[in-house]
Structures are given as C-alpha cells and as structure tokens.
C-alpha cells in the first residue's frame, strides 16, 4: 500500500497545454503501468490537439465541465461523466465554462502494462 497526501500541492502546466491548466500527479507512472492525475483548468484552459501512441486515457469530470474535440467530433462533459481515449485517438481539451474544471485523468501505458503480474 502507498498513500499520497498531495492534495494541497500545486500542479504543473504540461507541454502543449495552456490557459493556466495544471496537472498534479496523484499516482505517477514511475515504475507502474498506470497513473492518476488531477487536472484543474480555469476558464479558457486546456490542451492542444495531440494523441498518445501507447497510452489509453480516461478523463472523469469531477467538477465543472470540459469540452473535448477529436478532430471529427466535439462534445462537452459535465460532473460525473467520462470519456476513454484509446492509443492513437486524437484529443483537444478546453474549459469553455465560466468556472474551474477538475478532471481525474487515469492513464494506462500499454508498453508497460504487460510487464507486471
């Protein structure tokens, strides 16, 4: 068992993200095939269009709402809703609301997932 008590820490703005969006690792990928992050986006914050070759990501909206764009489809999720992006799925994120959005982002690194029993 490992307990993380990082709720009071500030996150970082990852490359290709903008508008004050911050991501805080709750469980990092270091030595593990998965991670859990809290992503907080003020109004106008988000991430540019990108994809991950080896990662699946679930975005769970814990507070507020977040708009996603895949290049083919654009949709907004609100509290309690989620989306799964499989490896290679493009996604762009943007908080178009007037309140901060908080998402849990769960990532599975498929290149590592088969190496753990």
C-alpha atoms as a PDB file:
ATOM      1  CA  UNK A   1       0.000   0.000   0.000  1.00  0.00           C
ATOM      2  CA  UNK A   2       1.114   3.532  -0.659  1.00  0.00           C
ATOM      3  CA  UNK A   3      -0.689   6.672   0.496  1.00  0.00           C
ATOM      4  CA  UNK A   4      -0.305  10.003  -1.318  1.00  0.00           C
ATOM      5  CA  UNK A   5      -1.117  13.177   0.595  1.00  0.00           C
ATOM      6  CA  UNK A   6      -0.557  15.675  -2.196  1.00  0.00           C
ATOM      7  CA  UNK A   7      -3.955  17.386  -2.257  1.00  0.00           C
ATOM      8  CA  UNK A   8      -2.503  20.715  -1.124  1.00  0.00           C
ATOM      9  CA  UNK A   9       0.266  20.794  -3.749  1.00  0.00           C
ATOM     10  CA  UNK A  10       0.164  22.809  -6.952  1.00  0.00           C
ATOM     11  CA  UNK A  11       0.436  21.049 -10.254  1.00  0.00           C
ATOM     12  CA  UNK A  12       2.453  21.875 -13.348  1.00  0.00           C
ATOM     13  CA  UNK A  13       1.399  23.007 -16.802  1.00  0.00           C
ATOM     14  CA  UNK A  14       2.494  20.213 -19.165  1.00  0.00           C
ATOM     15  CA  UNK A  15       3.924  20.997 -22.604  1.00  0.00           C
ATOM     16  CA  UNK A  16       1.262  21.836 -25.197  1.00  0.00           C
ATOM     17  CA  UNK A  17      -1.256  22.860 -22.540  1.00  0.00           C
ATOM     18  CA  UNK A  18      -2.374  26.440 -21.976  1.00  0.00           C
ATOM     19  CA  UNK A  19      -4.513  28.943 -20.097  1.00  0.00           C
ATOM     20  CA  UNK A  20      -3.360  28.054 -16.609  1.00  0.00           C
ATOM     21  CA  UNK A  21      -4.278  24.349 -16.764  1.00  0.00           C
ATOM     22  CA  UNK A  22      -2.331  22.477 -14.072  1.00  0.00           C
ATOM     23  CA  UNK A  23      -1.834  18.744 -13.648  1.00  0.00           C
ATOM     24  CA  UNK A  24      -0.883  17.144 -10.335  1.00  0.00           C
ATOM     25  CA  UNK A  25       0.321  13.533 -10.228  1.00  0.00           C
ATOM     26  CA  UNK A  26      -1.586  11.613  -7.599  1.00  0.00           C
ATOM     27  CA  UNK A  27      -0.115   8.263  -8.667  1.00  0.00           C
ATOM     28  CA  UNK A  28       2.746   8.643 -11.144  1.00  0.00           C
ATOM     29  CA  UNK A  29       3.792   6.334 -13.985  1.00  0.00           C
ATOM     30  CA  UNK A  30       7.187   5.852 -12.338  1.00  0.00           C
ATOM     31  CA  UNK A  31       7.550   2.089 -12.025  1.00  0.00           C
ATOM     32  CA  UNK A  32       3.881   1.497 -12.807  1.00  0.00           C
ATOM     33  CA  UNK A  33       1.819   0.927 -15.960  1.00  0.00           C
ATOM     34  CA  UNK A  34      -0.785   3.474 -14.856  1.00  0.00           C
ATOM     35  CA  UNK A  35      -1.090   6.932 -13.397  1.00  0.00           C
ATOM     36  CA  UNK A  36      -3.808   9.046 -11.812  1.00  0.00           C
ATOM     37  CA  UNK A  37      -3.685  12.811 -12.150  1.00  0.00           C
ATOM     38  CA  UNK A  38      -5.872  15.708 -11.102  1.00  0.00           C
ATOM     39  CA  UNK A  39      -6.189  18.243 -13.895  1.00  0.00           C
ATOM     40  CA  UNK A  40      -7.520  21.685 -12.982  1.00  0.00           C
ATOM     41  CA  UNK A  41      -8.403  24.068 -15.800  1.00  0.00           C
ATOM     42  CA  UNK A  42      -9.564  27.617 -15.228  1.00  0.00           C
ATOM     43  CA  UNK A  43     -11.887  29.101 -17.840  1.00  0.00           C
ATOM     44  CA  UNK A  44     -10.007  29.068 -21.149  1.00  0.00           C
ATOM     45  CA  UNK A  45      -7.508  26.430 -20.008  1.00  0.00           C
ATOM     46  CA  UNK A  46      -6.891  23.249 -21.940  1.00  0.00           C
ATOM     47  CA  UNK A  47      -4.582  21.142 -24.045  1.00  0.00           C
ATOM     48  CA  UNK A  48      -3.707  21.324 -27.732  1.00  0.00           C
ATOM     49  CA  UNK A  49      -4.675  18.531 -30.134  1.00  0.00           C
ATOM     50  CA  UNK A  50      -2.438  15.511 -29.533  1.00  0.00           C
ATOM     51  CA  UNK A  51      -2.518  11.739 -29.164  1.00  0.00           C
ATOM     52  CA  UNK A  52      -0.578   9.080 -27.324  1.00  0.00           C
ATOM     53  CA  UNK A  53       0.830   6.082 -29.204  1.00  0.00           C
ATOM     54  CA  UNK A  54       0.982   3.724 -26.208  1.00  0.00           C
ATOM     55  CA  UNK A  55      -1.465   5.225 -23.717  1.00  0.00           C
ATOM     56  CA  UNK A  56      -5.170   4.920 -23.011  1.00  0.00           C
ATOM     57  CA  UNK A  57      -6.629   7.792 -21.001  1.00  0.00           C
ATOM     58  CA  UNK A  58      -9.882   8.160 -19.109  1.00  0.00           C
ATOM     59  CA  UNK A  59     -10.972  11.722 -18.296  1.00  0.00           C
ATOM     60  CA  UNK A  60     -13.521  11.779 -15.457  1.00  0.00           C
ATOM     61  CA  UNK A  61     -15.066  15.191 -14.812  1.00  0.00           C
ATOM     62  CA  UNK A  62     -15.187  15.610 -11.029  1.00  0.00           C
ATOM     63  CA  UNK A  63     -16.182  19.303 -11.025  1.00  0.00           C
ATOM     64  CA  UNK A  64     -17.488  21.691 -13.646  1.00  0.00           C
ATOM     65  CA  UNK A  65     -17.329  20.722 -17.300  1.00  0.00           C
ATOM     66  CA  UNK A  66     -14.756  20.127 -20.030  1.00  0.00           C
ATOM     67  CA  UNK A  67     -15.070  20.252 -23.807  1.00  0.00           C
ATOM     68  CA  UNK A  68     -13.259  17.649 -25.903  1.00  0.00           C
ATOM     69  CA  UNK A  69     -12.528  17.730 -29.623  1.00  0.00           C
ATOM     70  CA  UNK A  70     -11.271  14.723 -31.574  1.00  0.00           C
ATOM     71  CA  UNK A  71     -10.985  16.433 -34.951  1.00  0.00           C
ATOM     72  CA  UNK A  72     -14.178  14.630 -36.010  1.00  0.00           C
ATOM     73  CA  UNK A  73     -16.391  15.221 -33.000  1.00  0.00           C
ATOM     74  CA  UNK A  74     -16.757  17.926 -30.354  1.00  0.00           C
ATOM     75  CA  UNK A  75     -18.599  17.334 -27.067  1.00  0.00           C
ATOM     76  CA  UNK A  76     -18.815  18.711 -23.535  1.00  0.00           C
ATOM     77  CA  UNK A  77     -18.862  16.522 -20.442  1.00  0.00           C
ATOM     78  CA  UNK A  78     -20.129  17.629 -17.032  1.00  0.00           C
ATOM     79  CA  UNK A  79     -19.706  16.332 -13.479  1.00  0.00           C
ATOM     80  CA  UNK A  80     -19.850  12.555 -13.247  1.00  0.00           C
ATOM     81  CA  UNK A  81     -19.287  11.967 -16.972  1.00  0.00           C
ATOM     82  CA  UNK A  82     -16.188  10.459 -18.559  1.00  0.00           C
ATOM     83  CA  UNK A  83     -14.537   9.593 -21.859  1.00  0.00           C
ATOM     84  CA  UNK A  84     -11.955   6.976 -22.836  1.00  0.00           C
ATOM     85  CA  UNK A  85      -9.298   7.765 -25.450  1.00  0.00           C
ATOM     86  CA  UNK A  86      -7.500   4.679 -26.769  1.00  0.00           C
ATOM     87  CA  UNK A  87      -3.908   4.778 -28.114  1.00  0.00           C
ATOM     88  CA  UNK A  88      -3.768   6.919 -31.253  1.00  0.00           C
ATOM     89  CA  UNK A  89      -7.080   8.736 -30.564  1.00  0.00           C
ATOM     90  CA  UNK A  90      -6.538  12.488 -31.050  1.00  0.00           C
ATOM     91  CA  UNK A  91      -7.954  14.820 -28.423  1.00  0.00           C
ATOM     92  CA  UNK A  92      -8.059  18.525 -27.630  1.00  0.00           C
ATOM     93  CA  UNK A  93      -9.417  19.811 -24.317  1.00  0.00           C
ATOM     94  CA  UNK A  94     -10.838  23.213 -23.425  1.00  0.00           C
ATOM     95  CA  UNK A  95     -12.723  24.580 -20.444  1.00  0.00           C
ATOM     96  CA  UNK A  96     -15.325  26.763 -22.148  1.00  0.00           C
ATOM     97  CA  UNK A  97     -17.295  27.368 -18.962  1.00  0.00           C
ATOM     98  CA  UNK A  98     -17.017  30.282 -16.560  1.00  0.00           C
ATOM     99  CA  UNK A  99     -15.876  28.095 -13.628  1.00  0.00           C
ATOM    100  CA  UNK A 100     -12.798  25.971 -12.956  1.00  0.00           C
ATOM    101  CA  UNK A 101     -12.980  22.396 -14.193  1.00  0.00           C
ATOM    102  CA  UNK A 102     -11.440  19.484 -12.296  1.00  0.00           C
ATOM    103  CA  UNK A 103     -10.850  16.144 -14.029  1.00  0.00           C
ATOM    104  CA  UNK A 104      -9.295  12.907 -12.861  1.00  0.00           C
ATOM    105  CA  UNK A 105      -7.103  11.598 -15.659  1.00  0.00           C
ATOM    106  CA  UNK A 106      -6.304   7.898 -15.477  1.00  0.00           C
ATOM    107  CA  UNK A 107      -3.583   6.764 -17.885  1.00  0.00           C
ATOM    108  CA  UNK A 108      -2.575   3.210 -18.774  1.00  0.00           C
ATOM    109  CA  UNK A 109       0.783   2.800 -20.514  1.00  0.00           C
ATOM    110  CA  UNK A 110       0.274  -0.286 -22.684  1.00  0.00           C
ATOM    111  CA  UNK A 111       4.004  -0.651 -23.273  1.00  0.00           C
ATOM    112  CA  UNK A 112       4.374  -1.370 -19.528  1.00  0.00           C
ATOM    113  CA  UNK A 113       1.032  -2.993 -18.790  1.00  0.00           C
ATOM    114  CA  UNK A 114       2.075  -6.491 -19.872  1.00  0.00           C
ATOM    115  CA  UNK A 115       5.283  -6.443 -17.858  1.00  0.00           C
ATOM    116  CA  UNK A 116       3.618  -6.574 -14.402  1.00  0.00           C
ATOM    117  CA  UNK A 117       1.927  -9.585 -12.924  1.00  0.00           C
END
